[in-house]
Every structure is written in C-alpha cells, then in structure tokens.
C-alpha cells in the first residue's frame, strides 16, 4: 500500500507544472507601501551613534575602531596602530573581549641584536640579554574568535581584527 502511494507521489512530481498566471508573479517590492514611514527607522541614528562613540572615547582620538573578523562585534574604540606592523594595534580599554587567563602563549625569549661596533670593540650589548614576556590569548566574547593577546602590563595587542578608520 505504501509503495503504491510513493509511486503516485513520484509520478505527480514528474508531470509538468501547470502554467502559472503572470499576475501571480508579483515582486514583494510591489506590495510595499513606501508612503508610510517604516516602524523601525530612525533618521537620527547616525548622529546618536556618533555622540555615544565620542562619549566612550572621552575626547581621545583613535587610530581605528576594531571589530571581530568573524562576527563584526566592536572590540575597541580607542587604540594605537603599531608603527612597524600596520595590521596590529594596542589598547588599554576594550569591550566584548575575554582574556583566557588559564592559557599562556609560549614565552618569547628575545635577545637584543648585536651591533657590528659592539662585536669589534668587545663590549657587551646594553640591556637584558633575554626577556620573558607572558601573554594570554584574547577572544571575542560573542563568537570566541582569537583576536589578540593580553600582556603582563595589562595592554591588549590586537592582530586578528577588522579596523575601520574614522
């Protein structure tokens, strides 16, 4: 019995569809009444947003507004662009970020470069020979995408973000 019903359904699907009336093919745009202002439209929204951002920045300028590359959530309104690595930023005040304090990124041991004059004269390089820096991963609190690191000086270093310049 079930096989017979299944065959009938398949045969009905294989038949050519009936000719459609052209009056039924109406764009949804034709049904919208543009003379009535939409309920959720606010023509002053851009100005309100600008006032909010200025209040958040407290009068400070910023090199960019940083957003998560995966979900576009705003992460930082006040940051400085790295002088050498133009896609990296640092900031002290962020939003929508969580620090993974239980994880530490591999410690980087940096040795200062020896100058040619130092090697010839036999003098030792200035400063520490090795510096241990501790970094914790920073993730977007909305989608958990890793966007940067947090250092022991409580500075956020962003390298996986979308900057928007204003």
C-alpha atoms as a PDB file:
ATOM      1  CA  UNK A   1       0.000   0.000   0.000  1.00  0.00           C
ATOM      2  CA  UNK A   2       2.747   2.441   0.975  1.00  0.00           C
ATOM      3  CA  UNK A   3       4.718   1.587  -2.181  1.00  0.00           C
ATOM      4  CA  UNK A   4       1.699   2.445  -4.333  1.00  0.00           C
ATOM      5  CA  UNK A   5       1.287   5.843  -2.651  1.00  0.00           C
ATOM      6  CA  UNK A   6       5.013   6.548  -3.026  1.00  0.00           C
ATOM      7  CA  UNK A   7       4.867   5.752  -6.759  1.00  0.00           C
ATOM      8  CA  UNK A   8       1.857   8.021  -7.221  1.00  0.00           C
ATOM      9  CA  UNK A   9       3.621  10.878  -5.467  1.00  0.00           C
ATOM     10  CA  UNK A  10       6.724  10.435  -7.661  1.00  0.00           C
ATOM     11  CA  UNK A  11       4.602  10.378 -10.827  1.00  0.00           C
ATOM     12  CA  UNK A  12       2.837  13.577  -9.755  1.00  0.00           C
ATOM     13  CA  UNK A  13       6.175  15.314  -9.255  1.00  0.00           C
ATOM     14  CA  UNK A  14       7.444  14.208 -12.690  1.00  0.00           C
ATOM     15  CA  UNK A  15       4.465  15.748 -14.507  1.00  0.00           C
ATOM     16  CA  UNK A  16       4.947  19.213 -15.944  1.00  0.00           C
ATOM     17  CA  UNK A  17       3.821  22.001 -13.632  1.00  0.00           C
ATOM     18  CA  UNK A  18       0.667  23.795 -14.605  1.00  0.00           C
ATOM     19  CA  UNK A  19       1.098  27.090 -16.413  1.00  0.00           C
ATOM     20  CA  UNK A  20       1.272  29.914 -13.888  1.00  0.00           C
ATOM     21  CA  UNK A  21      -0.737  33.072 -14.269  1.00  0.00           C
ATOM     22  CA  UNK A  22       1.537  36.098 -14.843  1.00  0.00           C
ATOM     23  CA  UNK A  23      -0.483  38.136 -12.349  1.00  0.00           C
ATOM     24  CA  UNK A  24       0.642  35.761  -9.598  1.00  0.00           C
ATOM     25  CA  UNK A  25       4.290  36.657 -10.279  1.00  0.00           C
ATOM     26  CA  UNK A  26       4.387  39.944  -8.371  1.00  0.00           C
ATOM     27  CA  UNK A  27       7.533  41.245  -6.729  1.00  0.00           C
ATOM     28  CA  UNK A  28       7.348  41.750  -2.971  1.00  0.00           C
ATOM     29  CA  UNK A  29       8.576  45.298  -3.669  1.00  0.00           C
ATOM     30  CA  UNK A  30       5.284  45.979  -5.422  1.00  0.00           C
ATOM     31  CA  UNK A  31       3.436  45.129  -2.223  1.00  0.00           C
ATOM     32  CA  UNK A  32       5.326  47.604  -0.013  1.00  0.00           C
ATOM     33  CA  UNK A  33       3.696  50.962   0.611  1.00  0.00           C
ATOM     34  CA  UNK A  34       6.580  53.439   0.623  1.00  0.00           C
ATOM     35  CA  UNK A  35       4.345  56.358   1.572  1.00  0.00           C
ATOM     36  CA  UNK A  36       4.277  55.092   5.182  1.00  0.00           C
ATOM     37  CA  UNK A  37       7.488  55.552   7.210  1.00  0.00           C
ATOM     38  CA  UNK A  38       8.870  52.185   8.432  1.00  0.00           C
ATOM     39  CA  UNK A  39       8.272  51.443  12.100  1.00  0.00           C
ATOM     40  CA  UNK A  40      11.932  50.690  12.935  1.00  0.00           C
ATOM     41  CA  UNK A  41      13.553  53.567  11.024  1.00  0.00           C
ATOM     42  CA  UNK A  42      15.324  56.350  12.918  1.00  0.00           C
ATOM     43  CA  UNK A  43      16.743  59.119  10.691  1.00  0.00           C
ATOM     44  CA  UNK A  44      18.813  60.481  13.630  1.00  0.00           C
ATOM     45  CA  UNK A  45      20.509  57.165  14.448  1.00  0.00           C
ATOM     46  CA  UNK A  46      23.897  58.095  12.920  1.00  0.00           C
ATOM     47  CA  UNK A  47      24.093  61.271  14.996  1.00  0.00           C
ATOM     48  CA  UNK A  48      23.112  59.365  18.159  1.00  0.00           C
ATOM     49  CA  UNK A  49      25.798  56.752  17.466  1.00  0.00           C
ATOM     50  CA  UNK A  50      28.433  59.430  16.914  1.00  0.00           C
ATOM     51  CA  UNK A  51      27.575  61.104  20.240  1.00  0.00           C
ATOM     52  CA  UNK A  52      27.805  57.718  22.002  1.00  0.00           C
ATOM     53  CA  UNK A  53      31.241  56.976  20.487  1.00  0.00           C
ATOM     54  CA  UNK A  54      32.585  60.416  21.427  1.00  0.00           C
ATOM     55  CA  UNK A  55      31.360  59.869  24.996  1.00  0.00           C
ATOM     56  CA  UNK A  56      33.045  56.447  25.129  1.00  0.00           C
ATOM     57  CA  UNK A  57      36.350  57.823  23.807  1.00  0.00           C
ATOM     58  CA  UNK A  58      36.255  60.678  26.343  1.00  0.00           C
ATOM     59  CA  UNK A  59      37.684  63.132  23.854  1.00  0.00           C
ATOM     60  CA  UNK A  60      40.642  60.947  22.830  1.00  0.00           C
ATOM     61  CA  UNK A  61      41.349  60.301  19.177  1.00  0.00           C
ATOM     62  CA  UNK A  62      41.861  56.793  17.916  1.00  0.00           C
ATOM     63  CA  UNK A  63      43.715  55.276  15.010  1.00  0.00           C
ATOM     64  CA  UNK A  64      40.807  52.888  14.324  1.00  0.00           C
ATOM     65  CA  UNK A  65      37.683  51.211  15.626  1.00  0.00           C
ATOM     66  CA  UNK A  66      38.418  47.486  15.897  1.00  0.00           C
ATOM     67  CA  UNK A  67      35.876  44.742  15.209  1.00  0.00           C
ATOM     68  CA  UNK A  68      35.900  40.965  15.383  1.00  0.00           C
ATOM     69  CA  UNK A  69      36.669  39.475  11.943  1.00  0.00           C
ATOM     70  CA  UNK A  70      34.132  36.669  12.406  1.00  0.00           C
ATOM     71  CA  UNK A  71      31.022  38.342  13.871  1.00  0.00           C
ATOM     72  CA  UNK A  72      31.819  42.078  13.402  1.00  0.00           C
ATOM     73  CA  UNK A  73      31.295  42.841  17.109  1.00  0.00           C
ATOM     74  CA  UNK A  74      33.001  46.077  18.209  1.00  0.00           C
ATOM     75  CA  UNK A  75      36.064  45.298  20.338  1.00  0.00           C
ATOM     76  CA  UNK A  76      37.809  48.627  20.797  1.00  0.00           C
ATOM     77  CA  UNK A  77      37.069  52.309  20.175  1.00  0.00           C
ATOM     78  CA  UNK A  78      40.405  53.770  21.303  1.00  0.00           C
ATOM     79  CA  UNK A  79      43.627  52.160  20.062  1.00  0.00           C
ATOM     80  CA  UNK A  80      47.067  52.893  18.650  1.00  0.00           C
ATOM     81  CA  UNK A  81      48.337  51.417  15.432  1.00  0.00           C
ATOM     82  CA  UNK A  82      51.724  49.679  15.556  1.00  0.00           C
ATOM     83  CA  UNK A  83      54.443  51.755  13.893  1.00  0.00           C
ATOM     84  CA  UNK A  84      56.099  48.855  12.066  1.00  0.00           C
ATOM     85  CA  UNK A  85      53.328  46.233  11.732  1.00  0.00           C
ATOM     86  CA  UNK A  86      50.434  48.191  10.277  1.00  0.00           C
ATOM     87  CA  UNK A  87      47.833  45.465  10.869  1.00  0.00           C
ATOM     88  CA  UNK A  88      48.496  45.360  14.625  1.00  0.00           C
ATOM     89  CA  UNK A  89      47.034  47.609  17.317  1.00  0.00           C
ATOM     90  CA  UNK A  90      47.392  48.083  21.059  1.00  0.00           C
ATOM     91  CA  UNK A  91      44.833  49.315  23.539  1.00  0.00           C
ATOM     92  CA  UNK A  92      44.107  49.569  27.243  1.00  0.00           C
ATOM     93  CA  UNK A  93      40.319  49.818  27.190  1.00  0.00           C
ATOM     94  CA  UNK A  94      38.288  47.249  25.270  1.00  0.00           C
ATOM     95  CA  UNK A  95      34.788  45.815  25.134  1.00  0.00           C
ATOM     96  CA  UNK A  96      33.350  42.424  24.211  1.00  0.00           C
ATOM     97  CA  UNK A  97      36.697  40.720  24.894  1.00  0.00           C
ATOM     98  CA  UNK A  98      37.577  37.911  27.262  1.00  0.00           C
ATOM     99  CA  UNK A  99      41.062  37.022  28.417  1.00  0.00           C
ATOM    100  CA  UNK A 100      41.907  33.342  28.735  1.00  0.00           C
ATOM    101  CA  UNK A 101      43.945  33.614  31.929  1.00  0.00           C
ATOM    102  CA  UNK A 102      44.173  29.818  32.183  1.00  0.00           C
ATOM    103  CA  UNK A 103      46.155  29.707  28.919  1.00  0.00           C
ATOM    104  CA  UNK A 104      49.574  31.194  28.304  1.00  0.00           C
ATOM    105  CA  UNK A 105      51.100  31.554  24.886  1.00  0.00           C
ATOM    106  CA  UNK A 106      54.646  30.283  24.510  1.00  0.00           C
ATOM    107  CA  UNK A 107      57.058  32.634  26.164  1.00  0.00           C
ATOM    108  CA  UNK A 108      59.148  34.504  23.690  1.00  0.00           C
ATOM    109  CA  UNK A 109      62.803  34.888  24.511  1.00  0.00           C
ATOM    110  CA  UNK A 110      64.271  37.823  22.679  1.00  0.00           C
ATOM    111  CA  UNK A 111      67.931  38.612  22.511  1.00  0.00           C
ATOM    112  CA  UNK A 112      68.967  42.102  21.513  1.00  0.00           C
ATOM    113  CA  UNK A 113      70.774  42.292  18.204  1.00  0.00           C
ATOM    114  CA  UNK A 114      74.482  42.843  18.473  1.00  0.00           C
ATOM    115  CA  UNK A 115      75.736  45.823  16.584  1.00  0.00           C
ATOM    116  CA  UNK A 116      78.828  45.407  14.442  1.00  0.00           C
ATOM    117  CA  UNK A 117      80.629  48.015  16.513  1.00  0.00           C
ATOM    118  CA  UNK A 118      79.888  46.025  19.703  1.00  0.00           C
ATOM    119  CA  UNK A 119      81.459  42.854  18.332  1.00  0.00           C
ATOM    120  CA  UNK A 120      84.595  44.644  17.179  1.00  0.00           C
ATOM    121  CA  UNK A 121      85.133  46.531  20.397  1.00  0.00           C
ATOM    122  CA  UNK A 122      84.296  43.541  22.543  1.00  0.00           C
ATOM    123  CA  UNK A 123      81.736  45.458  24.599  1.00  0.00           C
ATOM    124  CA  UNK A 124      78.613  43.718  25.853  1.00  0.00           C
ATOM    125  CA  UNK A 125      75.197  44.664  24.464  1.00  0.00           C
ATOM    126  CA  UNK A 126      73.146  47.022  26.598  1.00  0.00           C
ATOM    127  CA  UNK A 127      70.038  45.867  28.453  1.00  0.00           C
ATOM    128  CA  UNK A 128      68.809  42.397  29.362  1.00  0.00           C
ATOM    129  CA  UNK A 129      70.108  39.559  27.275  1.00  0.00           C
ATOM    130  CA  UNK A 130      66.815  37.693  27.473  1.00  0.00           C
ATOM    131  CA  UNK A 131      63.339  38.981  28.220  1.00  0.00           C
ATOM    132  CA  UNK A 132      60.499  36.677  29.267  1.00  0.00           C
ATOM    133  CA  UNK A 133      57.122  38.077  28.339  1.00  0.00           C
ATOM    134  CA  UNK A 134      53.874  36.446  29.373  1.00  0.00           C
ATOM    135  CA  UNK A 135      50.905  36.668  27.012  1.00  0.00           C
ATOM    136  CA  UNK A 136      47.356  35.394  27.446  1.00  0.00           C
ATOM    137  CA  UNK A 137      45.045  34.880  24.444  1.00  0.00           C
ATOM    138  CA  UNK A 138      42.189  37.377  23.995  1.00  0.00           C
ATOM    139  CA  UNK A 139      38.974  36.215  22.352  1.00  0.00           C
ATOM    140  CA  UNK A 140      35.777  37.857  21.184  1.00  0.00           C
ATOM    141  CA  UNK A 141      33.194  37.318  23.931  1.00  0.00           C
ATOM    142  CA  UNK A 142      30.441  36.811  21.328  1.00  0.00           C
ATOM    143  CA  UNK A 143      31.935  34.176  19.000  1.00  0.00           C
ATOM    144  CA  UNK A 144      35.208  33.168  20.781  1.00  0.00           C
ATOM    145  CA  UNK A 145      37.455  34.054  17.831  1.00  0.00           C
ATOM    146  CA  UNK A 146      41.012  34.736  18.983  1.00  0.00           C
ATOM    147  CA  UNK A 147      41.724  38.391  18.202  1.00  0.00           C
ATOM    148  CA  UNK A 148      44.925  39.168  20.096  1.00  0.00           C
ATOM    149  CA  UNK A 149      46.867  38.827  23.333  1.00  0.00           C
ATOM    150  CA  UNK A 150      46.986  40.444  26.777  1.00  0.00           C
ATOM    151  CA  UNK A 151      50.405  41.137  28.284  1.00  0.00           C
ATOM    152  CA  UNK A 152      51.661  41.429  31.865  1.00  0.00           C
ATOM    153  CA  UNK A 153      51.487  45.244  31.632  1.00  0.00           C
ATOM    154  CA  UNK A 154      47.717  44.974  31.078  1.00  0.00           C
ATOM    155  CA  UNK A 155      47.947  46.044  27.443  1.00  0.00           C
ATOM    156  CA  UNK A 156      45.869  44.397  24.736  1.00  0.00           C
ATOM    157  CA  UNK A 157      47.689  43.654  21.481  1.00  0.00           C
ATOM    158  CA  UNK A 158      45.273  43.043  18.595  1.00  0.00           C
ATOM    159  CA  UNK A 159      46.412  41.334  15.407  1.00  0.00           C
ATOM    160  CA  UNK A 160      43.338  39.476  14.117  1.00  0.00           C
ATOM    161  CA  UNK A 161      40.795  42.309  13.830  1.00  0.00           C
ATOM    162  CA  UNK A 162      38.944  44.396  11.260  1.00  0.00           C
ATOM    163  CA  UNK A 163      39.928  48.056  11.581  1.00  0.00           C
ATOM    164  CA  UNK A 164      37.604  50.802  10.481  1.00  0.00           C
ATOM    165  CA  UNK A 165      39.058  54.249  10.155  1.00  0.00           C
ATOM    166  CA  UNK A 166      37.053  57.334  11.000  1.00  0.00           C
END
